[in-house]
Protein backbone atom coordinates (compact mmCIF):
# COMPACT_ATOMS: atom_id res chain seq x y z
CA MET A 1 -2.99 26.39 -9.47
CA LEU A 2 -6.79 26.43 -9.76
CA THR A 3 -6.89 29.47 -7.51
CA VAL A 4 -4.24 31.25 -9.58
CA PHE A 5 -5.99 30.35 -12.84
CA GLY A 6 -9.33 31.48 -11.42
CA LEU A 7 -7.97 34.83 -10.27
CA VAL A 8 -6.05 35.49 -13.50
CA SER A 9 -9.06 34.46 -15.61
CA LEU A 10 -11.29 36.73 -13.55
CA ILE A 11 -8.86 39.61 -14.07
CA PHE A 12 -8.77 38.97 -17.82
CA ILE A 13 -12.57 38.79 -17.98
CA VAL A 14 -12.97 42.02 -16.00
CA VAL A 15 -10.35 43.77 -18.17
CA ALA A 16 -11.99 42.45 -21.35
CA ALA A 17 -15.44 43.55 -20.17
CA ILE A 18 -14.27 47.03 -19.18
CA THR A 19 -12.24 47.40 -22.37
CA SER A 20 -15.08 46.25 -24.59
CA VAL A 21 -17.57 48.58 -22.87
CA MET A 22 -15.22 51.55 -23.11
CA LEU A 23 -14.22 50.76 -26.69
CA ASN A 24 -17.85 50.20 -27.70
CA SER A 25 -18.86 53.49 -26.11
CA SER A 26 -16.00 55.29 -27.85
CA LEU A 27 -16.80 53.73 -31.21
CA GLU A 28 -20.53 54.44 -30.76
CA ASP A 29 -19.76 58.08 -29.95
CA ARG A 30 -17.44 58.28 -32.92
CA LEU A 31 -20.06 56.72 -35.20
CA THR A 32 -22.71 59.10 -33.86
CA GLU A 33 -20.44 62.03 -34.56
CA GLN A 34 -19.80 60.70 -38.07
CA VAL A 35 -23.54 60.41 -38.67
CA ARG A 36 -24.13 63.93 -37.39
CA ASN A 37 -21.39 65.30 -39.64
CA MET A 38 -22.69 63.31 -42.60
CA VAL A 39 -26.23 64.57 -42.05
CA ALA A 40 -25.01 68.15 -41.53
CA GLU A 41 -23.12 68.02 -44.80
CA SER A 42 -26.21 66.56 -46.50
CA GLN A 43 -28.71 69.10 -45.14
CA GLU A 44 -29.16 71.02 -48.35
CA TRP A 45 -29.79 68.13 -50.73
CA LEU A 46 -31.67 66.15 -48.06
CA ALA A 47 -34.17 69.01 -47.67
CA HIS A 48 -34.93 69.05 -51.41
CA SER A 49 -34.68 65.29 -52.09
CA PRO A 50 -37.69 63.71 -53.67
CA ALA A 51 -39.32 61.47 -51.07
CA ILE A 52 -39.97 58.79 -53.64
CA ASP A 53 -36.37 58.13 -54.70
CA PRO A 54 -33.88 57.45 -51.83
CA ALA A 55 -31.67 55.37 -54.15
CA GLY A 56 -31.34 58.28 -56.55
CA SER A 57 -30.58 60.67 -53.73
CA LEU A 58 -27.80 58.40 -52.37
CA ALA A 59 -26.35 57.97 -55.86
CA GLU A 60 -26.43 61.68 -56.49
CA ALA A 61 -24.75 62.48 -53.14
CA GLN A 62 -22.19 59.62 -53.57
CA MET A 63 -22.54 58.49 -49.96
CA PRO A 64 -20.04 56.01 -48.43
CA PRO A 65 -20.75 52.26 -47.92
CA GLY A 66 -23.09 51.48 -45.05
CA THR A 67 -25.20 54.61 -45.50
CA ILE A 68 -28.97 54.15 -45.22
CA LEU A 69 -31.69 56.60 -46.25
CA VAL A 70 -35.41 56.12 -45.60
CA PHE A 71 -38.20 58.50 -46.56
CA GLU A 72 -41.78 58.44 -45.25
CA THR A 73 -44.45 60.73 -46.67
CA ARG A 74 -47.23 62.27 -44.64
CA GLY A 75 -49.44 59.63 -46.09
CA GLY A 76 -47.28 56.88 -44.55
CA VAL A 77 -45.65 55.70 -47.78
CA ARG A 78 -42.10 54.52 -47.17
CA SER A 79 -39.13 54.10 -49.45
CA GLY A 80 -35.51 53.46 -48.66
CA ALA A 81 -32.10 52.43 -49.95
CA VAL A 82 -28.69 51.44 -48.58
CA VAL A 83 -25.14 51.60 -49.94
CA ASP A 84 -23.50 48.16 -49.57
CA ALA A 85 -19.82 47.32 -49.09
CA HIS A 86 -19.26 47.32 -52.88
CA HIS A 87 -20.62 50.87 -53.26
CA THR A 88 -23.76 49.43 -54.83
CA ILE A 89 -27.04 51.07 -53.94
CA GLN A 90 -29.78 48.61 -52.96
CA SER A 91 -33.40 49.56 -52.46
CA LEU A 92 -35.14 48.27 -49.33
CA SER A 93 -37.88 45.72 -49.93
CA GLU A 94 -41.47 46.14 -48.82
CA SER A 95 -40.97 43.65 -45.94
CA GLN A 96 -37.87 45.47 -44.74
CA LEU A 97 -39.67 48.79 -44.81
CA ARG A 98 -42.68 47.38 -42.93
CA GLY A 99 -40.32 45.93 -40.29
CA LEU A 100 -38.85 49.32 -39.47
CA SER A 101 -39.85 50.90 -36.18
CA LEU A 102 -39.52 54.66 -36.58
CA GLY A 103 -40.81 55.49 -33.12
CA GLU A 104 -43.36 58.10 -32.02
CA ARG A 105 -43.28 61.39 -33.89
CA THR A 106 -45.52 64.35 -34.77
CA MET A 107 -45.79 65.22 -38.45
CA PRO A 108 -45.84 68.96 -39.16
CA GLU A 109 -49.09 70.44 -40.50
CA GLN A 110 -47.17 72.42 -43.10
CA ASP A 111 -43.90 72.11 -44.93
CA LEU A 112 -40.95 73.12 -42.79
CA PRO A 113 -37.24 73.36 -43.49
CA ALA A 114 -35.27 70.22 -42.79
CA THR A 115 -34.54 69.78 -39.05
CA VAL A 116 -32.57 67.06 -37.23
CA ALA A 117 -34.17 65.12 -34.38
CA ALA A 118 -32.76 62.57 -31.90
CA VAL A 119 -30.10 59.97 -32.60
CA SER A 120 -31.14 56.32 -32.26
CA THR A 121 -30.29 52.80 -33.37
CA LEU A 122 -32.45 51.28 -36.08
CA THR A 123 -32.62 47.55 -36.87
CA VAL A 124 -33.27 46.69 -40.50
CA PRO A 125 -34.31 43.10 -41.22
CA ARG A 126 -31.51 41.14 -42.94
CA LEU A 127 -29.21 44.19 -42.91
CA GLY A 128 -28.51 44.65 -39.21
CA GLU A 129 -28.24 47.74 -37.04
CA PHE A 130 -27.72 51.33 -38.16
CA ARG A 131 -26.92 54.44 -36.19
CA VAL A 132 -29.40 56.99 -37.56
CA LEU A 133 -30.73 60.53 -37.20
CA HIS A 134 -34.44 61.25 -37.61
CA GLY A 135 -35.31 64.44 -39.44
CA GLU A 136 -38.38 66.25 -40.75
CA ILE A 137 -38.11 67.31 -44.37
CA LEU A 138 -40.31 69.08 -46.82
CA GLY A 139 -43.11 66.74 -47.60
CA GLY A 140 -42.40 64.07 -44.96
CA TYR A 141 -39.97 62.36 -42.64
CA ALA A 142 -36.40 61.13 -43.26
CA ILE A 143 -33.99 58.72 -41.54
CA MET A 144 -30.32 58.75 -42.44
CA GLY A 145 -27.37 56.99 -40.82
CA GLN A 146 -24.47 54.56 -40.93
CA SER A 147 -24.23 50.81 -40.33
CA THR A 148 -22.81 49.63 -36.97
CA THR A 149 -21.17 46.63 -38.66
CA ASP A 150 -17.68 48.13 -38.41
CA VAL A 151 -18.21 48.86 -34.71
CA ARG A 152 -19.44 45.32 -34.00
CA SER A 153 -16.63 43.86 -36.11
CA THR A 154 -14.02 45.86 -34.22
CA ILE A 155 -15.47 44.79 -30.87
CA GLY A 156 -15.60 41.15 -32.04
CA GLN A 157 -11.99 41.26 -33.23
CA MET A 158 -10.92 42.79 -29.94
CA LEU A 159 -12.74 40.10 -27.94
CA THR A 160 -11.24 37.38 -30.15
CA ILE A 161 -7.76 38.79 -29.62
CA ILE A 162 -8.36 39.02 -25.88
CA THR A 163 -9.68 35.43 -25.80
CA PHE A 164 -6.69 33.98 -27.63
CA THR A 165 -4.30 36.15 -25.65
CA THR A 166 -5.95 35.01 -22.41
CA ALA A 167 -5.75 31.34 -23.44
CA ALA A 168 -2.09 31.71 -24.43
CA GLY A 169 -1.37 33.62 -21.23
CA LEU A 170 -3.10 30.97 -19.11
CA PHE A 171 -1.15 28.23 -20.90
CA VAL A 172 2.14 30.00 -20.26
CA LEU A 173 1.05 30.76 -16.71
CA GLY A 174 0.08 27.13 -16.16
CA ALA A 175 3.40 25.84 -17.47
CA ALA A 176 5.37 28.36 -15.42
CA THR A 177 3.27 27.78 -12.31
CA THR A 178 3.57 24.01 -12.65
CA LEU A 179 7.32 24.26 -13.00
CA VAL A 180 7.66 26.63 -10.06
CA ILE A 181 5.32 24.61 -7.83
CA ARG A 182 7.00 21.30 -8.70
CA GLN A 183 10.38 22.79 -7.99
CA GLY A 184 9.12 24.41 -4.80
CA LEU A 185 7.40 21.24 -3.57
CA LYS A 186 10.31 18.95 -4.41
CA PRO A 187 11.59 19.10 -0.82
CA LEU A 188 8.06 18.39 0.44
CA ARG A 189 7.82 15.30 -1.79
CA ALA A 190 11.12 14.14 -0.34
CA VAL A 191 9.65 14.63 3.14
CA ALA A 192 6.52 12.66 2.22
CA GLU A 193 8.53 9.81 0.68
CA THR A 194 10.78 9.64 3.73
CA ALA A 195 7.77 9.60 6.06
CA GLN A 196 6.14 6.81 4.01
CA ARG A 197 9.30 4.67 4.15
CA VAL A 198 9.51 5.17 7.91
CA ALA A 199 5.79 4.37 8.29
CA ARG A 200 6.35 0.99 6.61
CA GLN A 201 8.95 -0.01 9.17
CA PRO A 202 7.81 -2.20 12.10
CA LEU A 203 8.56 0.00 15.11
CA ASP A 204 6.57 -1.80 17.79
CA GLN A 205 9.05 -4.53 18.74
CA GLY A 206 12.55 -5.89 18.28
CA VAL A 207 15.69 -4.01 17.40
CA VAL A 208 14.62 -0.94 15.46
CA SER A 209 16.85 1.62 13.79
CA ILE A 210 15.48 4.42 11.63
CA GLU A 211 18.09 5.11 8.95
CA GLU A 212 15.77 7.05 6.65
CA ARG A 213 16.32 10.79 6.51
CA VAL A 214 15.31 13.64 4.21
CA PRO A 215 18.29 14.41 1.89
CA VAL A 216 20.35 17.34 3.09
CA GLU A 217 19.74 19.32 -0.11
CA GLN A 218 15.99 19.02 0.48
CA ALA A 219 16.21 20.11 4.12
CA ASP A 220 17.45 23.67 3.65
CA PRO A 221 16.29 25.63 6.72
CA ARG A 222 16.25 28.84 4.65
CA THR A 223 13.03 27.79 2.89
CA GLU A 224 9.61 26.88 4.30
CA THR A 225 9.52 23.36 2.87
CA GLY A 226 13.19 22.92 3.72
CA ARG A 227 12.38 23.69 7.35
CA VAL A 228 9.74 20.95 7.25
CA GLY A 229 12.39 18.47 6.04
CA ALA A 230 14.85 19.63 8.69
CA ALA A 231 12.16 19.33 11.37
CA LEU A 232 11.32 15.79 10.21
CA ASN A 233 15.01 14.82 10.36
CA THR A 234 15.22 16.17 13.89
CA LEU A 235 12.06 14.28 14.84
CA LEU A 236 13.42 11.05 13.35
CA ASP A 237 16.66 11.53 15.29
CA HIS A 238 14.66 11.84 18.51
CA VAL A 239 12.46 8.84 17.67
CA ASP A 240 15.49 6.75 16.73
CA ALA A 241 17.19 7.65 20.01
CA SER A 242 13.99 6.84 21.92
CA LEU A 243 13.65 3.47 20.19
CA HIS A 244 17.25 2.59 21.02
CA ALA A 245 16.63 3.62 24.64
CA ARG A 246 13.45 1.53 24.69
CA GLN A 247 15.34 -1.45 23.27
CA ARG A 248 18.07 -1.10 25.87
CA ASN A 249 15.45 -0.93 28.62
CA GLU A 250 13.69 -4.01 27.27
CA GLU A 251 16.93 -5.92 27.08
CA ARG A 252 17.80 -4.93 30.64
CA MET A 253 14.31 -5.95 31.76
CA ARG A 254 14.59 -9.32 29.98
CA ARG A 255 17.95 -9.96 31.57
CA PHE A 256 16.56 -8.95 34.96
CA VAL A 257 13.52 -11.23 34.58
CA ALA A 258 15.70 -14.10 33.35
CA ASP A 259 18.24 -13.62 36.14
CA ALA A 260 15.58 -13.14 38.81
CA SER A 261 13.65 -16.19 37.58
CA HIS A 262 16.80 -18.25 37.52
CA GLU A 263 17.80 -17.12 41.01
CA LEU A 264 14.30 -17.77 42.41
CA ARG A 265 14.26 -21.37 41.22
CA THR A 266 16.74 -22.52 43.89
CA PRO A 267 15.03 -21.02 46.99
CA LEU A 268 11.63 -22.12 45.71
CA ALA A 269 12.93 -25.64 45.24
CA SER A 270 14.32 -25.51 48.78
CA ILE A 271 11.00 -24.29 50.19
CA ARG A 272 9.17 -27.04 48.36
CA GLY A 273 11.67 -29.68 49.49
CA TYR A 274 11.62 -28.61 53.14
CA SER A 275 7.83 -28.45 53.16
CA GLU A 276 7.61 -31.99 51.76
CA LEU A 277 10.18 -33.20 54.28
CA SER A 278 8.37 -31.50 57.15
CA LEU A 279 5.05 -33.03 56.14
CA ARG A 280 6.55 -36.50 56.75
CA ASP A 281 7.00 -35.73 60.45
CA PRO A 282 4.27 -37.74 62.25
CA SER A 283 4.40 -35.44 65.26
CA LEU A 284 2.93 -32.47 63.35
CA THR A 285 -0.31 -31.03 64.58
CA GLU A 286 -3.24 -30.73 62.18
CA THR A 287 -2.89 -26.94 61.96
CA THR A 288 0.83 -27.14 61.26
CA GLY A 289 0.27 -29.79 58.60
CA GLN A 290 -2.34 -27.65 56.83
CA SER A 291 0.02 -24.68 56.90
CA LEU A 292 2.85 -26.70 55.39
CA GLU A 293 0.54 -28.06 52.71
CA ARG A 294 -0.49 -24.51 51.88
CA ILE A 295 3.17 -23.44 51.73
CA GLN A 296 3.92 -26.38 49.42
CA ALA A 297 0.99 -25.53 47.09
CA GLN A 298 1.99 -21.88 46.85
CA SER A 299 5.65 -22.78 46.23
CA ILE A 300 4.56 -25.10 43.41
CA ARG A 301 2.41 -22.30 41.95
CA MET A 302 5.22 -19.74 42.27
CA THR A 303 7.65 -22.22 40.69
CA GLY A 304 5.33 -22.49 37.67
CA LEU A 305 5.15 -18.70 37.41
CA VAL A 306 8.94 -18.39 37.59
CA GLU A 307 9.36 -21.09 34.95
CA ASP A 308 6.92 -19.27 32.66
CA LEU A 309 8.72 -15.95 33.11
CA LEU A 310 12.08 -17.61 32.46
CA LEU A 311 10.71 -19.27 29.32
CA LEU A 312 9.34 -15.97 27.98
CA ALA A 313 12.62 -14.19 28.66
CA ARG A 314 14.59 -16.86 26.86
CA LEU A 315 12.18 -16.90 23.93
CA ASP A 316 12.56 -13.13 23.65
CA GLU A 317 16.30 -13.68 23.38
CA GLY A 318 15.86 -16.34 20.68
CA GLN A 319 16.78 -19.26 22.97
CA GLU A 320 15.00 -22.37 24.22
CA LEU A 321 14.19 -23.89 20.81
CA VAL A 322 15.59 -27.20 19.55
CA TYR A 323 14.49 -27.71 15.97
CA GLY A 324 13.55 -31.02 14.43
CA ALA A 325 10.75 -32.65 12.42
CA VAL A 326 7.55 -32.52 14.47
CA ASP A 327 4.35 -34.44 13.69
CA LEU A 328 1.57 -32.09 14.74
CA THR A 329 -1.03 -34.81 14.21
CA GLN A 330 0.65 -37.07 16.76
CA LEU A 331 0.99 -34.22 19.25
CA VAL A 332 -2.71 -33.43 18.96
CA LEU A 333 -3.74 -37.07 19.39
CA GLU A 334 -1.63 -37.43 22.56
CA SER A 335 -2.73 -34.07 23.99
CA VAL A 336 -6.45 -34.75 23.44
CA ALA A 337 -6.06 -38.20 25.04
CA ASP A 338 -4.54 -36.54 28.12
CA GLN A 339 -7.33 -33.97 28.29
CA ARG A 340 -10.01 -36.65 28.16
CA VAL A 341 -8.57 -37.99 31.39
CA THR A 342 -8.06 -34.55 32.96
CA GLY A 343 -11.41 -33.10 31.85
CA PRO A 344 -13.94 -35.97 31.64
CA ASP A 345 -16.80 -33.48 32.05
CA HIS A 346 -16.08 -32.06 28.56
CA ILE A 347 -16.78 -33.63 25.16
CA TRP A 348 -13.52 -33.99 23.18
CA ARG A 349 -13.51 -34.46 19.41
CA MET A 350 -10.77 -34.61 16.77
CA ASP A 351 -10.69 -33.90 13.04
CA VAL A 352 -7.29 -34.79 11.57
CA ASP A 353 -6.02 -34.89 7.99
CA GLU A 354 -5.26 -38.26 6.43
CA ASP A 355 -1.66 -37.19 5.82
CA PRO A 356 0.48 -36.35 8.84
CA VAL A 357 1.22 -32.66 9.28
CA ILE A 358 5.00 -32.30 9.62
CA VAL A 359 6.59 -29.01 10.65
CA ALA A 360 10.09 -27.95 11.61
CA GLY A 361 10.20 -26.94 15.26
CA ASP A 362 10.73 -27.80 18.88
CA ALA A 363 8.48 -30.74 19.78
CA ALA A 364 8.38 -29.94 23.49
CA ARG A 365 7.43 -26.30 22.92
CA LEU A 366 4.82 -27.07 20.25
CA ASN A 367 3.36 -29.67 22.59
CA GLN A 368 3.18 -26.93 25.21
CA VAL A 369 1.25 -24.74 22.76
CA ILE A 370 -1.36 -27.43 22.14
CA LEU A 371 -1.63 -28.30 25.84
CA ASN A 372 -2.10 -24.63 26.79
CA LEU A 373 -4.85 -24.16 24.19
CA LEU A 374 -6.66 -27.31 25.29
CA ALA A 375 -6.26 -26.43 28.98
CA ASN A 376 -7.59 -22.95 28.23
CA ALA A 377 -10.68 -24.46 26.56
CA ARG A 378 -11.16 -26.86 29.47
CA THR A 379 -10.73 -24.44 32.36
CA HIS A 380 -12.61 -21.47 30.88
CA THR A 381 -15.74 -23.32 29.71
CA PRO A 382 -18.46 -25.05 31.75
CA ALA A 383 -18.95 -28.80 31.97
CA GLY A 384 -20.59 -30.34 28.92
CA THR A 385 -18.81 -28.03 26.47
CA THR A 386 -17.73 -29.68 23.21
CA VAL A 387 -14.10 -29.02 22.27
CA THR A 388 -13.09 -29.91 18.71
CA VAL A 389 -9.43 -30.04 17.67
CA SER A 390 -8.61 -30.18 13.95
CA VAL A 391 -5.24 -30.59 12.20
CA GLY A 392 -4.65 -30.14 8.48
CA HIS A 393 -2.79 -28.49 5.62
CA GLU A 394 -3.41 -25.18 3.90
CA GLY A 395 -1.76 -23.91 0.73
CA THR A 396 0.44 -25.76 -1.75
CA GLY A 397 4.12 -26.06 -2.59
CA SER A 398 6.50 -23.91 -0.58
CA ALA A 399 3.50 -22.00 0.84
CA THR A 400 2.09 -25.10 2.57
CA ARG A 401 1.23 -24.50 6.21
CA GLY A 402 0.17 -26.75 9.02
CA VAL A 403 -2.95 -25.52 10.79
CA VAL A 404 -4.22 -26.53 14.23
CA LYS A 405 -7.67 -25.26 15.27
CA VAL A 406 -9.17 -25.55 18.75
CA HIS A 407 -12.90 -24.83 18.73
CA ASP A 408 -15.36 -24.81 21.62
CA ASP A 409 -19.04 -23.97 21.95
CA GLY A 410 -18.63 -22.31 25.33
CA PRO A 411 -19.74 -18.80 26.39
CA GLY A 412 -17.07 -17.06 24.31
CA ILE A 413 -14.48 -14.41 25.13
CA ASP A 414 -15.35 -10.87 26.14
CA PRO A 415 -14.72 -8.61 23.08
CA ALA A 416 -12.85 -6.17 25.32
CA LEU A 417 -10.42 -8.97 26.25
CA GLN A 418 -9.80 -10.29 22.74
CA ALA A 419 -7.56 -7.36 21.77
CA GLU A 420 -5.17 -8.07 24.68
CA LEU A 421 -5.68 -11.80 25.04
CA PHE A 422 -2.09 -12.64 24.04
CA THR A 423 -0.45 -9.97 26.18
CA ARG A 424 1.35 -10.94 29.37
CA PHE A 425 -0.71 -11.15 32.55
CA ALA A 426 -3.97 -10.73 30.62
CA ARG A 427 -6.86 -12.18 32.59
CA GLY A 428 -10.44 -12.92 31.67
CA ASP A 429 -13.50 -11.86 33.58
CA ARG A 430 -14.74 -13.84 36.57
CA SER A 431 -17.00 -16.04 34.50
CA ARG A 432 -13.94 -17.40 32.67
CA ALA A 433 -11.38 -17.28 35.47
CA ARG A 434 -9.85 -20.42 36.93
CA ALA A 435 -11.02 -21.47 40.29
CA THR A 436 -7.42 -21.64 41.40
CA GLY A 437 -6.38 -18.38 39.73
CA GLY A 438 -4.25 -18.25 36.59
CA THR A 439 -0.95 -16.45 36.07
CA GLY A 440 -2.12 -14.72 32.89
CA LEU A 441 0.97 -15.95 30.97
CA GLY A 442 -0.46 -19.00 29.18
CA MET A 443 -1.59 -17.25 25.99
CA ALA A 444 1.49 -15.02 25.98
CA ILE A 445 3.69 -18.13 26.05
CA VAL A 446 1.64 -19.69 23.23
CA LYS A 447 2.05 -16.59 21.08
CA ALA A 448 5.79 -16.33 21.81
CA ILE A 449 6.40 -19.99 20.91
CA VAL A 450 4.32 -19.78 17.72
CA GLU A 451 6.05 -16.60 16.54
CA ALA A 452 9.45 -18.11 17.37
CA HIS A 453 8.49 -20.86 14.86
CA HIS A 454 7.62 -18.13 12.26
CA GLY A 455 3.94 -18.90 12.66
CA THR A 456 0.79 -16.99 13.53
CA ILE A 457 -2.02 -17.44 16.04
CA THR A 458 -5.45 -15.85 15.82
CA VAL A 459 -8.70 -16.04 17.76
CA ARG A 460 -12.30 -15.57 16.70
CA SER A 461 -14.90 -15.61 19.42
CA ALA A 462 -18.63 -15.19 19.81
CA PRO A 463 -21.06 -16.77 22.26
CA GLY A 464 -21.14 -20.48 21.38
CA ASP A 465 -18.31 -20.24 18.84
CA THR A 466 -14.68 -19.69 19.88
CA THR A 467 -11.79 -20.79 17.65
CA PHE A 468 -8.04 -20.51 18.20
CA GLU A 469 -6.05 -21.08 15.00
CA VAL A 470 -2.31 -21.79 14.89
CA SER A 471 -0.59 -21.69 11.48
CA LEU A 472 3.00 -22.92 11.05
CA PRO A 473 5.23 -23.41 7.98
CA ALA A 474 4.87 -27.09 7.04
CA LYS A 475 6.68 -29.59 4.84
CA PRO A 476 4.92 -29.79 1.43
CA ARG A 477 2.82 -32.92 0.96
CA ASP A 478 4.02 -35.54 -1.46
CA PRO A 479 1.91 -35.61 -4.64
CA ALA A 480 -0.50 -38.53 -4.81
């Protein structure tokens, strides 16, 4: 719209400028011709007019309004008069006469008949401009002409009319352009609104179905914006089909992992059982015994991995949770007591709220969350690290949440790892790796359990300051 207004305004300005120049030139030529005719008709009386009485000469000749007559004798004495709009003849004052610039001229040495010189524009103080002819007369010099007021007035009226016409035209143009653009962009607004609604949908996980589409009447392929709407609908169809295919693949993968994990439990248990039984044979050689012990250790490790995979698959399917009232404070106290025995080379501290923190959830799984976080702090930090576990409430009323924080002053987590810390099979760098080698599923299990309880888990880490924070919906505290 600004471009259209700018172009139209420029056109109007150019037209107005050209028109005013042409009209001014035409009116100036017409006025000049009128002055020439008027002077030609006045030649006889102008040649014999007394140089001391311009007012009398104008009155005698009955000149029209706007006529000016100035005489100047050879001695430089000036006199002049003008006919005003009311046909009244007014003599020019001394100051007006002194302010006249009559230009360079050569006075004749003897009296000559009246002759007409060049046409020019003369400015008279307080009276304005006049189109005049300079002429030599008997006994001096004369200037006679007409006022340019009518010309300037006509030009001003024309410019005023053009200005108002331009403003009215721009207003009408703006209203029409706005209406046309709004109507033309209506399908595009529908496309934008549809895209915004789709953008607000969570498409990264779970069952996703994109039902939003651009209305059919706004997706007319015969128009440019309609083709955009039709293209967006086609794109959304493809994305929706891809999301359904992704969901089916994920479900098949979950079922495969769950089935494979379930099927692997039995042979792994058999391997572990046979290795334990074989180790009881006193006739085993030292080499055979070490081999069986290694087989037993690896079967135990593989059993843990299978159990973790099975747990994640079942959590993805919404299983494995048995809800009840869980005291997070008690879980933290018991878990920290266990870690003090398992990790005596660390300093363990607790900061618990006076009121117990009660949440609705699966006690065994929430206990697993706390144990995994504490084990992570113990195994990925050097001896002497202080680990502080705090439990408390945040919020009030129905928004009350139970918060568990596990803080350590260890070396921190690599910033490159923090973004994928809770993904499956994520592993830290060597400085934070377990001596025995981790499965990379611990934090993924923690996140899955917390989210299954409608909670959140976050991590903030810097050298000497690492904090894991678990937030779960909690039972509101009783007022004191």
